[in-house]
Amino acid sequence: MAAPKKGRRPAGAPGRPGRALALILIAMVALTSGMFATGELTPRLGIDLAGGTSITLKAKPEPGKPNSINKTNMDTAVGIIDRRVNGLGVSEAEVQTQGNDNIIVNIPRGTNEKQAREQVGTTAQLYFRPVVTYTAGTPTPDATPSPKPSAGGKDGKDGKSTPTATATTQGRAVTDGLKKDATPTPTGSASKSPEKSGEPSATPPADPATAALEKKFTALDCEKTDRVQVNVGVKPEDPMVACGKNNGGQWEKYILGPAEVNGKDVDDASATLDTQRGGGWKVNMEFTDAGSKKFQKITGKLSQQQPPQNQFAIVLDGEVVSAPSVNETLSANAEISGSFTQESAQDLANILSYGALPLTFSTETVTTVTAALGGEQLQAGLIAGAIGLALVVVYLLAYYRGLAFVAIVSLVVSAILTYTIMTLLGPAIGFALNLPAVCGAIVAIGITADSFIVYFERIRDEIRDGRTLKPAVERAWPRARRTILVSDFVSFLAAAVLFAVTVGKVQGFAFTLGLTTLLDVVVVFLFTKPLMTLLARTKFFGQGHTWSGLDPKRLGVQPPLRRTRRVSAPIDPKEA
């Protein structure tokens, strides 16, 4: 017989059960510590369990395009709104069409619910427009004015001020290793200081259209709720007036030129720490090929102008959300830096990334959804799950006796891992637990219990063949392992397919089912099997106690028959 290769553990060897048990214990401690470190002690709940807000948006046809409301544009809008809301970490938000021109957005109650509501209501197209002039308005209540950064490198370096659009999104655009094109000749003339005069320009209007625009600018009151309606019907190629808040919470009104770049030209935007300017936050923008050419052209012109005509305004839903100044010609990439907080930088990045909707929407209704009905259903589901778990435990105790201890402890370990991982997935990927997800966790109890039964029956078969418990535990494991892996693979494959082809709450069921199936493999390999190896060394299980569930007599094992030696009578020599 050939000797086994050096370093390879022979088949049926017990291995090192202590290491596996220590590994899973360390994993549970680490996950539990992570819960306390993040401050998340319970899983996030979906809208059906925690309540939230339901928003109904109604699409409006574009001017001159009565057929703009169609299935393609509505589906595109649903996808953009869904990415915008989930970009804030609000998971389980439902975005779906209703009828031909309505979109229903259900946002569960959570950390970023308020931000999500604000951005969902901001649904018009996104444009980059050059600033012609601006003037300060009246401060909003509880606004605390703060100094504005200069258009140069540091505050107050060259005495130029940078007007801003929102309370926390002011800033200036800078280049980051980009090509510098030839500087164009400045066009137009700078207006008088708007902060002194309060008027857009001292130059007489050149035509009636300009006069009408300045008249509209003078009459615009940013404190009124109709400040956005003043631009209804204005086309992207036309100039417009708009309002926005500065860093001190004051309203400022603008005259803006024709749109040079629209939101579809923005390929991506992200909020990152600005390590070069004191560790604040900044917004990085990346443009498409066509967008970079447009942006390069307009920033080349703006960089040669005097304030405020060296600024471009980011206009969303007819309101200025940011108005950074330009010092150099920019192309494919740019960044907006200034007095950002993490929240404000992420808000602006989401607006830039997902703000270019193919349609304009109005908010029809905003209603609060209570969790009363979902709570009742959850309670009923938990009661059903508790009854099912109790029946499984009773069956295990009645049929497997002492082995039921192994199964119950393994179920507890699986429950701890599932709970901690679901809790940590909330802040990590925005996972929220809904009713179907709870159902998936309840179904997983049966999958996990099935794995234990497969292993226990393999051990019993080995004992019926006449082996003692120690070798039976090790010889039963390879065959049980194959069966468990095949069974769990089928369950995981079904969950993955269900997750891929469904949307909404059904994905919660599929996700939980897939997660618990993977955890079943982890628990059986790292806990159940090593625990059985250790228990096989004890007297209670190893000698087949009546209540161990491994009693050879109860399993029908027949004791070996003792062979009797037949003694022949001595032969009489006389008879021989």
Protein backbone atom coordinates (compact mmCIF):
# COMPACT_ATOMS: atom_id res chain seq x y z
CA MET A 1 0.00 0.00 0.00
CA ALA A 2 1.35 3.42 -0.95
CA ALA A 3 2.08 5.71 1.95
CA PRO A 4 0.07 8.99 2.10
CA LYS A 5 1.84 12.07 0.85
CA LYS A 6 3.63 14.10 3.44
CA GLY A 7 1.62 17.06 4.75
CA ARG A 8 -1.74 15.74 3.53
CA ARG A 9 -4.29 14.92 6.18
CA PRO A 10 -5.66 11.39 5.71
CA ALA A 11 -9.36 10.95 4.95
CA GLY A 12 -11.47 10.79 8.05
CA ALA A 13 -9.00 12.70 10.21
CA PRO A 14 -10.65 15.08 12.71
CA GLY A 15 -8.62 18.15 11.67
CA ARG A 16 -8.40 21.15 14.00
CA PRO A 17 -11.92 21.97 15.26
CA GLY A 18 -10.65 24.51 17.78
CA ARG A 19 -9.30 26.79 15.03
CA ALA A 20 -12.60 26.82 13.13
CA LEU A 21 -14.60 27.57 16.27
CA ALA A 22 -12.18 30.34 17.24
CA LEU A 23 -12.45 31.85 13.75
CA ILE A 24 -16.24 32.07 13.80
CA LEU A 25 -16.15 33.41 17.37
CA ILE A 26 -13.76 36.17 16.27
CA ALA A 27 -16.07 36.96 13.34
CA MET A 28 -19.09 37.34 15.65
CA VAL A 29 -17.14 39.56 18.06
CA ALA A 30 -15.86 41.73 15.19
CA LEU A 31 -19.32 42.15 13.67
CA THR A 32 -20.87 42.98 17.04
CA SER A 33 -18.10 45.51 17.74
CA GLY A 34 -18.74 47.05 14.34
CA MET A 35 -22.38 47.58 15.28
CA PHE A 36 -21.43 49.52 18.39
CA ALA A 37 -18.68 51.42 16.55
CA THR A 38 -21.11 52.67 13.87
CA GLY A 39 -23.89 53.32 16.36
CA GLU A 40 -26.24 51.07 14.36
CA LEU A 41 -27.75 48.58 16.80
CA THR A 42 -30.80 47.61 14.77
CA PRO A 43 -31.28 47.01 11.04
CA ARG A 44 -32.70 49.84 8.98
CA LEU A 45 -36.35 49.34 8.09
CA GLY A 46 -38.07 49.84 4.76
CA ILE A 47 -41.04 52.11 4.20
CA ASP A 48 -43.54 49.31 4.91
CA LEU A 49 -42.07 48.82 8.40
CA ALA A 50 -40.73 52.25 9.36
CA GLY A 51 -43.09 54.55 7.45
CA GLY A 52 -41.86 57.45 5.37
CA THR A 53 -42.95 59.79 2.61
CA SER A 54 -44.82 59.17 -0.63
CA ILE A 55 -44.39 61.79 -3.38
CA THR A 56 -46.42 61.99 -6.57
CA LEU A 57 -44.75 63.78 -9.49
CA LYS A 58 -46.66 64.83 -12.60
CA ALA A 59 -44.83 65.23 -15.91
CA LYS A 60 -45.28 68.38 -17.96
CA PRO A 61 -44.81 68.49 -21.74
CA GLU A 62 -41.84 70.44 -22.96
CA PRO A 63 -42.61 73.74 -24.72
CA GLY A 64 -43.26 73.02 -28.38
CA LYS A 65 -43.02 69.25 -27.83
CA PRO A 66 -46.52 67.94 -27.00
CA ASN A 67 -45.40 64.32 -27.49
CA SER A 68 -42.45 64.56 -25.11
CA ILE A 69 -44.34 62.59 -22.43
CA ASN A 70 -43.81 59.03 -23.62
CA LYS A 71 -42.79 55.70 -22.15
CA THR A 72 -39.10 56.13 -23.02
CA ASN A 73 -38.79 59.51 -21.30
CA MET A 74 -40.81 58.34 -18.29
CA ASP A 75 -38.65 55.23 -17.84
CA THR A 76 -35.50 57.35 -18.15
CA ALA A 77 -36.82 59.75 -15.51
CA VAL A 78 -37.63 56.85 -13.17
CA GLY A 79 -34.08 55.52 -13.49
CA ILE A 80 -32.50 58.94 -12.82
CA ILE A 81 -34.70 59.69 -9.81
CA ASP A 82 -34.02 56.22 -8.40
CA ARG A 83 -30.24 56.71 -8.73
CA ARG A 84 -30.50 60.20 -7.26
CA VAL A 85 -32.39 59.03 -4.18
CA ASN A 86 -30.25 55.93 -3.65
CA GLY A 87 -27.16 58.06 -4.19
CA LEU A 88 -27.93 59.52 -0.77
CA GLY A 89 -27.84 56.08 0.82
CA VAL A 90 -31.65 55.80 1.05
CA SER A 91 -32.24 52.15 0.19
CA GLU A 92 -35.56 50.45 -0.47
CA ALA A 93 -36.87 53.67 -2.02
CA GLU A 94 -39.54 52.77 -4.57
CA VAL A 95 -39.70 54.77 -7.79
CA GLN A 96 -42.29 53.68 -10.32
CA THR A 97 -44.64 55.09 -12.92
CA GLN A 98 -48.38 55.40 -12.42
CA GLY A 99 -50.48 55.94 -15.50
CA ASN A 100 -48.97 57.82 -18.43
CA ASP A 101 -47.61 60.93 -16.76
CA ASN A 102 -47.17 60.27 -13.01
CA ILE A 103 -44.22 58.96 -11.01
CA ILE A 104 -44.66 57.69 -7.45
CA VAL A 105 -41.64 57.95 -5.14
CA ASN A 106 -41.81 56.17 -1.76
CA ILE A 107 -38.98 57.16 0.57
CA PRO A 108 -38.60 55.22 3.85
CA ARG A 109 -38.04 57.14 7.03
CA GLY A 110 -34.34 57.30 7.75
CA THR A 111 -31.23 59.40 8.10
CA ASN A 112 -31.38 61.01 4.65
CA GLU A 113 -35.15 61.15 4.16
CA LYS A 114 -35.25 64.97 4.24
CA GLN A 115 -32.45 65.29 1.67
CA ALA A 116 -34.13 62.76 -0.58
CA ARG A 117 -37.46 64.61 -0.45
CA GLU A 118 -35.75 67.85 -1.41
CA GLN A 119 -33.89 66.34 -4.34
CA VAL A 120 -36.89 64.39 -5.62
CA GLY A 121 -38.85 67.62 -5.81
CA THR A 122 -36.01 69.20 -7.78
CA THR A 123 -36.77 67.50 -11.06
CA ALA A 124 -36.28 69.98 -13.91
CA GLN A 125 -33.42 69.92 -16.39
CA LEU A 126 -29.95 71.02 -15.37
CA TYR A 127 -28.11 73.82 -17.20
CA PHE A 128 -24.84 75.72 -16.93
CA ARG A 129 -25.44 79.40 -17.75
CA PRO A 130 -23.01 82.34 -17.72
CA VAL A 131 -23.75 85.05 -15.16
CA VAL A 132 -24.44 88.47 -16.70
CA THR A 133 -24.98 90.24 -13.39
CA TYR A 134 -26.47 89.73 -9.98
CA THR A 135 -27.61 91.66 -6.96
CA ALA A 136 -28.08 90.74 -3.32
CA GLY A 137 -31.56 90.26 -1.97
CA THR A 138 -33.05 90.10 1.51
CA PRO A 139 -31.74 87.66 4.10
CA THR A 140 -33.77 84.61 4.98
CA PRO A 141 -34.86 84.11 8.61
CA ASP A 142 -32.14 82.90 10.98
CA ALA A 143 -29.47 83.44 8.33
CA THR A 144 -25.99 84.18 9.61
CA PRO A 145 -23.89 86.04 7.03
CA SER A 146 -20.39 84.77 6.51
CA PRO A 147 -17.46 86.10 4.49
CA LYS A 148 -17.22 85.01 0.86
CA PRO A 149 -13.99 83.52 -0.50
CA SER A 150 -12.10 85.41 -3.12
CA ALA A 151 -11.76 84.39 -6.72
CA GLY A 152 -8.03 83.90 -6.16
CA GLY A 153 -6.25 81.21 -4.23
CA LYS A 154 -7.06 82.37 -0.69
CA ASP A 155 -9.65 84.61 0.85
CA GLY A 156 -8.94 88.27 0.38
CA LYS A 157 -5.85 87.78 -1.75
CA ASP A 158 -6.95 90.00 -4.59
CA GLY A 159 -10.02 91.63 -3.13
CA LYS A 160 -12.45 90.02 -5.61
CA SER A 161 -15.62 88.51 -4.27
CA THR A 162 -17.31 85.38 -5.53
CA PRO A 163 -21.12 85.43 -5.43
CA THR A 164 -22.66 82.17 -4.41
CA ALA A 165 -25.91 80.38 -4.97
CA THR A 166 -26.82 78.38 -1.90
CA ALA A 167 -26.07 78.51 1.79
CA THR A 168 -23.26 76.01 1.44
CA THR A 169 -22.48 75.44 -2.23
CA GLN A 170 -20.51 78.55 -3.18
CA GLY A 171 -17.09 78.12 -4.65
CA ARG A 172 -14.77 78.64 -7.58
CA ALA A 173 -13.80 76.33 -10.42
CA VAL A 174 -10.16 75.43 -10.77
CA THR A 175 -8.19 73.24 -13.13
CA ASP A 176 -6.38 70.07 -12.24
CA GLY A 177 -3.65 69.34 -14.76
CA LEU A 178 -5.73 70.36 -17.78
CA LYS A 179 -4.67 71.85 -21.11
CA LYS A 180 -4.89 75.63 -21.41
CA ASP A 181 -6.18 76.92 -24.71
CA ALA A 182 -5.60 80.29 -26.33
CA THR A 183 -7.26 83.09 -24.39
CA PRO A 184 -10.18 84.62 -26.32
CA THR A 185 -10.80 88.30 -26.47
CA PRO A 186 -13.12 89.50 -23.69
CA THR A 187 -16.65 90.16 -24.82
CA GLY A 188 -19.17 92.49 -23.34
CA SER A 189 -18.58 95.04 -20.63
CA ALA A 190 -18.75 94.57 -16.91
CA SER A 191 -21.67 96.14 -15.13
CA LYS A 192 -21.40 98.50 -12.23
CA SER A 193 -20.95 97.02 -8.82
CA PRO A 194 -24.31 95.35 -8.14
CA GLU A 195 -23.82 95.54 -4.40
CA LYS A 196 -23.68 99.33 -4.61
CA SER A 197 -26.23 100.09 -7.27
CA GLY A 198 -28.69 97.20 -6.92
CA GLU A 199 -29.34 97.47 -10.69
CA PRO A 200 -28.14 95.09 -13.39
CA SER A 201 -26.36 97.64 -15.55
CA ALA A 202 -26.01 101.36 -16.11
CA THR A 203 -25.76 100.87 -19.88
CA PRO A 204 -29.02 101.61 -21.75
CA PRO A 205 -30.71 98.49 -23.14
CA ALA A 206 -29.75 97.69 -26.68
CA ASP A 207 -33.08 96.17 -27.71
CA PRO A 208 -36.61 95.60 -26.37
CA ALA A 209 -35.83 92.02 -25.35
CA THR A 210 -33.00 93.20 -23.11
CA ALA A 211 -35.21 95.91 -21.66
CA ALA A 212 -37.92 93.33 -20.89
CA LEU A 213 -35.36 91.07 -19.23
CA GLU A 214 -34.06 93.90 -17.03
CA LYS A 215 -37.60 94.85 -16.14
CA LYS A 216 -38.32 91.28 -15.10
CA PHE A 217 -35.06 91.28 -13.11
CA THR A 218 -36.01 94.47 -11.25
CA ALA A 219 -39.50 93.17 -10.45
CA LEU A 220 -38.26 89.74 -9.31
CA ASP A 221 -38.76 89.14 -5.59
CA CYS A 222 -36.88 86.05 -4.47
CA GLU A 223 -38.90 85.85 -1.26
CA LYS A 224 -42.04 84.97 -3.21
CA THR A 225 -42.91 81.36 -3.89
CA ASP A 226 -43.39 82.07 -7.61
CA ARG A 227 -39.71 82.90 -8.16
CA VAL A 228 -39.35 79.76 -10.32
CA GLN A 229 -42.57 80.29 -12.25
CA VAL A 230 -41.18 83.52 -13.69
CA ASN A 231 -39.16 81.40 -16.12
CA VAL A 232 -41.96 79.12 -17.32
CA GLY A 233 -41.65 78.76 -21.07
CA VAL A 234 -38.07 80.08 -21.21
CA LYS A 235 -36.02 78.01 -23.65
CA PRO A 236 -32.43 76.93 -22.96
CA GLU A 237 -31.13 79.21 -25.72
CA ASP A 238 -32.82 82.27 -24.17
CA PRO A 239 -31.46 84.40 -21.29
CA MET A 240 -33.32 84.28 -18.00
CA VAL A 241 -33.52 85.66 -14.49
CA ALA A 242 -33.15 83.41 -11.45
CA CYS A 243 -32.74 83.35 -7.69
CA GLY A 244 -30.32 81.57 -5.39
CA LYS A 245 -29.04 81.72 -1.81
CA ASN A 246 -25.54 82.77 -0.87
CA ASN A 247 -23.35 81.46 1.93
CA GLY A 248 -25.03 83.73 4.46
CA GLY A 249 -28.51 82.47 3.62
CA GLN A 250 -29.37 85.63 1.64
CA TRP A 251 -31.33 85.55 -1.58
CA GLU A 252 -29.52 86.84 -4.64
CA LYS A 253 -31.06 87.36 -8.04
CA TYR A 254 -29.26 86.87 -11.32
CA ILE A 255 -29.47 87.71 -14.99
CA LEU A 256 -28.14 84.64 -16.79
CA GLY A 257 -27.15 84.18 -20.39
CA PRO A 258 -28.21 81.33 -22.71
CA ALA A 259 -27.41 77.81 -21.56
CA GLU A 260 -24.00 76.72 -22.79
CA VAL A 261 -23.90 73.24 -21.22
CA ASN A 262 -26.73 71.03 -19.98
CA GLY A 263 -26.85 68.29 -17.40
CA LYS A 264 -26.62 65.52 -20.01
CA ASP A 265 -23.08 66.70 -20.75
CA VAL A 266 -21.97 65.80 -17.21
CA ASP A 267 -20.61 62.27 -17.17
CA ASP A 268 -20.03 62.00 -13.42
CA ALA A 269 -19.66 64.09 -10.28
CA SER A 270 -18.42 63.15 -6.84
CA ALA A 271 -17.79 64.77 -3.46
CA THR A 272 -14.27 64.32 -2.07
CA LEU A 273 -12.06 65.82 0.62
CA ASP A 274 -10.00 68.80 -0.56
CA THR A 275 -6.67 67.96 1.05
CA GLN A 276 -4.89 70.80 -0.73
CA ARG A 277 -7.10 73.51 0.79
CA GLY A 278 -7.31 72.74 4.47
CA GLY A 279 -9.20 69.46 4.34
CA GLY A 280 -12.59 70.84 3.28
CA TRP A 281 -14.91 69.28 0.75
CA LYS A 282 -15.02 69.79 -3.01
CA VAL A 283 -17.05 68.53 -5.96
CA ASN A 284 -15.25 66.91 -8.90
CA MET A 285 -16.95 67.04 -12.31
CA GLU A 286 -16.24 64.91 -15.37
CA PHE A 287 -17.80 65.82 -18.72
CA THR A 288 -18.59 63.76 -21.80
CA ASP A 289 -16.58 64.33 -24.96
CA ALA A 290 -19.19 66.71 -26.34
CA GLY A 291 -19.67 68.37 -22.96
CA SER A 292 -15.95 68.98 -22.46
CA LYS A 293 -15.78 70.89 -25.74
CA LYS A 294 -18.73 73.07 -24.75
CA PHE A 295 -17.34 73.62 -21.26
CA GLN A 296 -13.91 74.49 -22.62
CA LYS A 297 -15.43 77.09 -24.93
CA ILE A 298 -17.55 78.84 -22.29
CA THR A 299 -14.88 78.77 -19.55
CA GLY A 300 -12.35 80.17 -22.01
CA LYS A 301 -14.60 83.21 -22.42
CA LEU A 302 -15.55 83.53 -18.78
CA SER A 303 -11.97 83.38 -17.52
CA GLN A 304 -11.23 86.67 -19.33
CA GLN A 305 -14.17 88.55 -17.84
CA GLN A 306 -14.38 90.68 -14.71
CA PRO A 307 -16.60 89.66 -11.78
CA PRO A 308 -19.40 88.79 -11.84
CA GLN A 309 -19.24 87.99 -15.56
CA ASN A 310 -16.50 85.40 -14.96
CA GLN A 311 -19.01 83.10 -13.24
CA PHE A 312 -21.20 80.30 -14.52
CA ALA A 313 -24.41 79.40 -12.71
CA ILE A 314 -25.57 75.82 -12.18
CA VAL A 315 -29.35 76.13 -12.64
CA LEU A 316 -31.73 73.37 -11.59
CA ASP A 317 -35.50 73.75 -11.70
CA GLY A 318 -35.07 77.43 -12.54
CA GLU A 319 -33.06 78.12 -9.39
CA VAL A 320 -29.33 78.72 -9.02
CA VAL A 321 -27.77 76.03 -6.84
CA SER A 322 -24.17 77.21 -7.28
CA ALA A 323 -22.37 80.04 -9.10
CA PRO A 324 -18.61 79.44 -9.03
CA SER A 325 -16.15 81.77 -10.76
CA VAL A 326 -13.70 80.70 -13.47
CA ASN A 327 -10.03 81.65 -13.49
CA GLU A 328 -8.76 79.38 -16.28
CA THR A 329 -10.00 77.56 -19.34
CA LEU A 330 -11.43 74.17 -18.32
CA SER A 331 -12.24 71.12 -20.42
CA ALA A 332 -12.94 67.49 -19.53
CA ASN A 333 -12.52 67.74 -15.75
CA ALA A 334 -13.12 70.47 -13.23
CA GLU A 335 -13.70 70.89 -9.54
CA ILE A 336 -15.79 73.24 -7.45
CA SER A 337 -14.27 74.12 -4.09
CA GLY A 338 -15.26 76.47 -1.33
CA SER A 339 -17.16 76.41 1.96
CA PHE A 340 -18.66 72.97 1.48
CA THR A 341 -19.75 70.60 4.18
CA GLN A 342 -19.86 66.89 3.44
CA GLU A 343 -23.65 67.03 3.13
CA SER A 344 -23.72 70.04 0.81
CA ALA A 345 -20.94 68.63 -1.38
CA GLN A 346 -22.78 65.33 -1.75
CA ASP A 347 -26.02 67.17 -2.54
CA LEU A 348 -24.39 69.15 -5.33
CA ALA A 349 -22.60 66.05 -6.67
CA ASN A 350 -25.89 64.15 -6.82
CA ILE A 351 -27.59 67.05 -8.58
CA LEU A 352 -24.80 67.21 -11.16
CA SER A 353 -24.75 63.44 -11.67
CA TYR A 354 -28.47 62.74 -11.84
CA GLY A 355 -30.15 66.08 -12.46
CA ALA A 356 -30.63 65.93 -16.24
CA LEU A 357 -34.16 64.59 -16.55
CA PRO A 358 -35.78 64.35 -19.99
CA LEU A 359 -38.99 65.93 -18.63
CA THR A 360 -40.09 68.61 -16.22
CA PHE A 361 -42.17 67.48 -13.24
CA SER A 362 -44.37 69.19 -10.72
CA THR A 363 -44.98 67.85 -7.23
CA GLU A 364 -48.66 66.96 -7.00
CA THR A 365 -48.88 65.42 -3.52
CA VAL A 366 -46.58 64.68 -0.59
CA THR A 367 -48.07 62.33 1.99
CA THR A 368 -46.71 60.70 5.12
CA VAL A 369 -46.90 56.90 5.26
CA THR A 370 -47.37 55.37 8.70
CA ALA A 371 -45.82 52.10 9.73
CA ALA A 372 -48.95 50.87 11.53
CA LEU A 373 -50.05 48.38 8.85
CA GLY A 374 -46.52 47.16 8.22
CA GLY A 375 -45.93 46.80 11.94
CA GLU A 376 -49.01 44.60 12.28
CA GLN A 377 -47.89 42.46 9.35
CA LEU A 378 -44.39 42.24 10.79
CA GLN A 379 -45.77 41.16 14.14
CA ALA A 380 -47.88 38.48 12.45
CA GLY A 381 -44.86 37.34 10.41
CA LEU A 382 -42.64 37.14 13.48
CA ILE A 383 -45.28 35.16 15.34
CA ALA A 384 -45.51 32.75 12.39
CA GLY A 385 -41.72 32.49 12.31
CA ALA A 386 -41.57 31.85 16.05
CA ILE A 387 -44.20 29.10 15.74
CA GLY A 388 -42.28 27.50 12.87
CA LEU A 389 -39.00 27.70 14.78
CA ALA A 390 -40.65 26.18 17.87
CA LEU A 391 -41.99 23.28 15.79
CA VAL A 392 -38.52 22.68 14.34
CA VAL A 393 -37.00 22.64 17.83
CA VAL A 394 -39.68 20.23 19.13
CA TYR A 395 -39.05 17.90 16.18
CA LEU A 396 -35.30 18.00 16.73
CA LEU A 397 -35.66 17.27 20.44
CA ALA A 398 -38.06 14.40 19.84
CA TYR A 399 -36.13 12.76 17.03
CA TYR A 400 -32.49 13.68 17.60
CA ARG A 401 -32.48 14.22 21.38
CA GLY A 402 -28.94 15.32 22.34
CA LEU A 403 -28.07 16.22 18.76
CA ALA A 404 -30.79 18.87 18.97
CA PHE A 405 -28.39 20.88 21.14
CA VAL A 406 -25.96 21.10 18.21
CA ALA A 407 -28.71 22.19 15.85
CA ILE A 408 -30.14 24.82 18.19
CA VAL A 409 -26.75 26.35 18.99
CA SER A 410 -25.94 26.42 15.28
CA LEU A 411 -29.23 28.23 14.59
CA VAL A 412 -28.36 30.79 17.26
CA VAL A 413 -24.96 31.40 15.68
CA SER A 414 -26.58 31.79 12.27
CA ALA A 415 -29.12 34.24 13.72
CA ILE A 416 -26.36 36.36 15.32
CA LEU A 417 -24.39 36.53 12.07
CA THR A 418 -27.50 37.38 10.05
CA TYR A 419 -28.61 40.13 12.44
CA THR A 420 -25.21 41.81 12.73
CA ILE A 421 -24.53 41.70 8.98
CA MET A 422 -27.96 43.13 8.14
CA THR A 423 -27.41 45.89 10.68
CA LEU A 424 -23.99 46.79 9.27
CA LEU A 425 -25.24 46.68 5.67
CA GLY A 426 -27.54 49.61 6.49
CA PRO A 427 -24.81 52.27 6.75
CA ALA A 428 -22.54 50.38 4.34
CA ILE A 429 -24.79 49.98 1.27
CA GLY A 430 -28.09 51.43 2.47
CA PHE A 431 -29.78 48.04 2.96
CA ALA A 432 -33.20 48.34 4.58
CA LEU A 433 -35.24 45.46 5.95
CA ASN A 434 -38.77 45.16 4.57
CA LEU A 435 -41.51 42.56 4.97
CA PRO A 436 -40.39 40.31 2.08
CA ALA A 437 -36.85 40.39 3.48
CA VAL A 438 -38.18 39.17 6.83
CA CYS A 439 -39.95 36.35 4.97
CA GLY A 440 -36.65 35.43 3.33
CA ALA A 441 -34.99 35.17 6.75
CA ILE A 442 -37.81 32.94 8.02
CA VAL A 443 -37.53 30.65 4.99
CA ALA A 444 -33.79 30.36 5.70
CA ILE A 445 -34.56 28.62 9.01
CA GLY A 446 -35.73 25.59 7.06
CA ILE A 447 -32.69 25.66 4.76
CA THR A 448 -30.29 25.77 7.71
CA ALA A 449 -32.13 23.02 9.62
CA ASP A 450 -32.04 20.83 6.50
CA SER A 451 -28.23 21.02 6.45
CA PHE A 452 -28.04 19.76 10.04
CA ILE A 453 -30.40 16.88 9.29
CA VAL A 454 -28.33 15.79 6.30
CA TYR A 455 -25.18 15.63 8.42
CA PHE A 456 -26.84 13.93 11.38
CA GLU A 457 -28.34 11.21 9.17
CA ARG A 458 -24.97 10.54 7.55
CA ILE A 459 -23.45 10.08 11.02
CA ARG A 460 -26.23 7.68 11.99
CA ASP A 461 -25.69 5.65 8.82
CA GLU A 462 -22.04 5.23 9.73
CA ILE A 463 -22.97 4.06 13.24
CA ARG A 464 -25.44 1.57 11.78
CA ASP A 465 -22.54 0.14 9.79
CA GLY A 466 -20.85 -0.69 13.06
CA ARG A 467 -18.46 2.25 13.52
CA THR A 468 -17.99 4.18 16.72
CA LEU A 469 -18.85 7.87 16.90
CA LYS A 470 -15.40 9.41 16.35
CA PRO A 471 -14.73 7.78 12.97
CA ALA A 472 -18.42 8.04 12.08
CA VAL A 473 -18.36 11.86 12.46
CA GLU A 474 -15.34 12.18 10.18
CA ARG A 475 -16.37 9.61 7.56
CA ALA A 476 -19.90 11.06 7.32
CA TRP A 477 -18.65 14.60 6.67
CA PRO A 478 -17.41 14.29 3.04
CA ARG A 479 -20.70 12.83 1.78
CA ALA A 480 -22.82 15.25 3.84
CA ARG A 481 -20.66 18.18 2.68
CA ARG A 482 -21.33 17.45 -1.00
CA THR A 483 -25.07 17.20 -0.41
CA ILE A 484 -25.16 20.44 1.62
CA LEU A 485 -23.16 22.38 -0.97
CA VAL A 486 -25.37 21.21 -3.85
CA SER A 487 -28.54 22.07 -1.93
CA ASP A 488 -27.29 25.53 -0.90
CA PHE A 489 -26.01 26.25 -4.41
CA VAL A 490 -29.47 25.63 -5.85
CA SER A 491 -31.04 27.93 -3.23
CA PHE A 492 -28.44 30.66 -3.83
CA LEU A 493 -28.84 30.40 -7.61
CA ALA A 494 -32.61 30.79 -7.27
CA ALA A 495 -32.11 33.85 -5.03
CA ALA A 496 -29.61 35.40 -7.47
CA VAL A 497 -31.93 34.94 -10.46
CA LEU A 498 -34.86 36.33 -8.50
CA PHE A 499 -32.81 39.35 -7.46
CA ALA A 500 -31.70 40.00 -11.04
CA VAL A 501 -35.10 39.79 -12.74
CA THR A 502 -37.27 41.53 -10.12
CA VAL A 503 -37.54 45.05 -8.73
CA GLY A 504 -38.73 46.67 -5.53
CA LYS A 505 -39.57 44.70 -2.44
CA VAL A 506 -39.16 41.28 -4.04
CA GLN A 507 -35.44 42.03 -4.32
CA GLY A 508 -35.37 42.30 -0.51
CA PHE A 509 -36.65 38.73 -0.27
CA ALA A 510 -34.09 37.48 -2.79
CA PHE A 511 -31.22 39.36 -1.13
CA THR A 512 -32.00 38.00 2.34
CA LEU A 513 -32.47 34.47 1.03
CA GLY A 514 -29.11 34.58 -0.75
CA LEU A 515 -27.35 36.05 2.28
CA THR A 516 -28.71 33.47 4.72
CA THR A 517 -27.88 30.65 2.29
CA LEU A 518 -24.24 31.73 2.25
CA LEU A 519 -24.25 32.00 6.04
CA ASP A 520 -25.63 28.46 6.24
CA VAL A 521 -22.49 27.19 4.50
CA VAL A 522 -20.29 29.23 6.84
CA VAL A 523 -22.05 27.97 9.98
CA VAL A 524 -22.08 24.30 8.96
CA PHE A 525 -18.40 24.30 7.93
CA LEU A 526 -16.96 26.46 10.71
CA PHE A 527 -19.27 25.64 13.61
CA THR A 528 -21.53 22.60 13.28
CA LYS A 529 -18.93 20.12 12.01
CA PRO A 530 -16.13 21.24 14.41
CA LEU A 531 -18.58 21.14 17.32
CA MET A 532 -19.57 17.57 16.42
CA THR A 533 -15.88 16.61 16.32
CA LEU A 534 -15.41 17.91 19.88
CA LEU A 535 -18.62 16.33 21.19
CA ALA A 536 -17.62 12.95 19.77
CA ARG A 537 -14.77 12.96 22.30
CA THR A 538 -17.14 13.24 25.26
CA LYS A 539 -18.46 10.28 27.17
CA PHE A 540 -22.12 11.29 26.74
CA PHE A 541 -22.03 11.27 22.94
CA GLY A 542 -19.03 9.03 22.33
CA GLN A 543 -20.44 6.04 24.23
CA GLY A 544 -23.89 6.48 22.72
CA HIS A 545 -25.96 7.55 25.73
CA THR A 546 -29.66 6.84 25.43
CA TRP A 547 -30.46 10.58 25.25
CA SER A 548 -27.58 11.46 22.98
CA GLY A 549 -29.50 10.61 19.80
CA LEU A 550 -26.69 8.26 18.82
CA ASP A 551 -27.59 5.18 20.87
CA PRO A 552 -26.65 2.14 18.73
CA LYS A 553 -29.60 0.13 20.06
CA ARG A 554 -32.11 2.82 19.11
CA LEU A 555 -30.50 3.04 15.70
CA GLY A 556 -31.02 -0.70 15.17
CA VAL A 557 -27.41 -1.78 15.37
CA GLN A 558 -27.14 -5.51 16.16
CA PRO A 559 -24.37 -6.49 18.60
CA PRO A 560 -21.65 -8.64 17.01
CA LEU A 561 -22.28 -12.42 17.40
CA ARG A 562 -19.64 -14.26 19.38
CA ARG A 563 -18.42 -17.35 17.56
CA THR A 564 -18.22 -20.52 19.76
CA ARG A 565 -15.34 -22.91 19.23
CA ARG A 566 -16.47 -26.47 18.71
CA VAL A 567 -14.40 -28.89 20.81
CA SER A 568 -14.03 -32.31 19.20
CA ALA A 569 -13.98 -35.44 21.40
CA PRO A 570 -10.60 -37.08 21.91
CA ILE A 571 -9.95 -40.10 19.75
CA ASP A 572 -9.48 -43.36 21.57
CA PRO A 573 -6.22 -44.95 20.46
CA LYS A 574 -7.86 -48.29 20.56
CA GLU A 575 -10.45 -47.13 18.06
CA ALA A 576 -7.91 -45.63 15.77
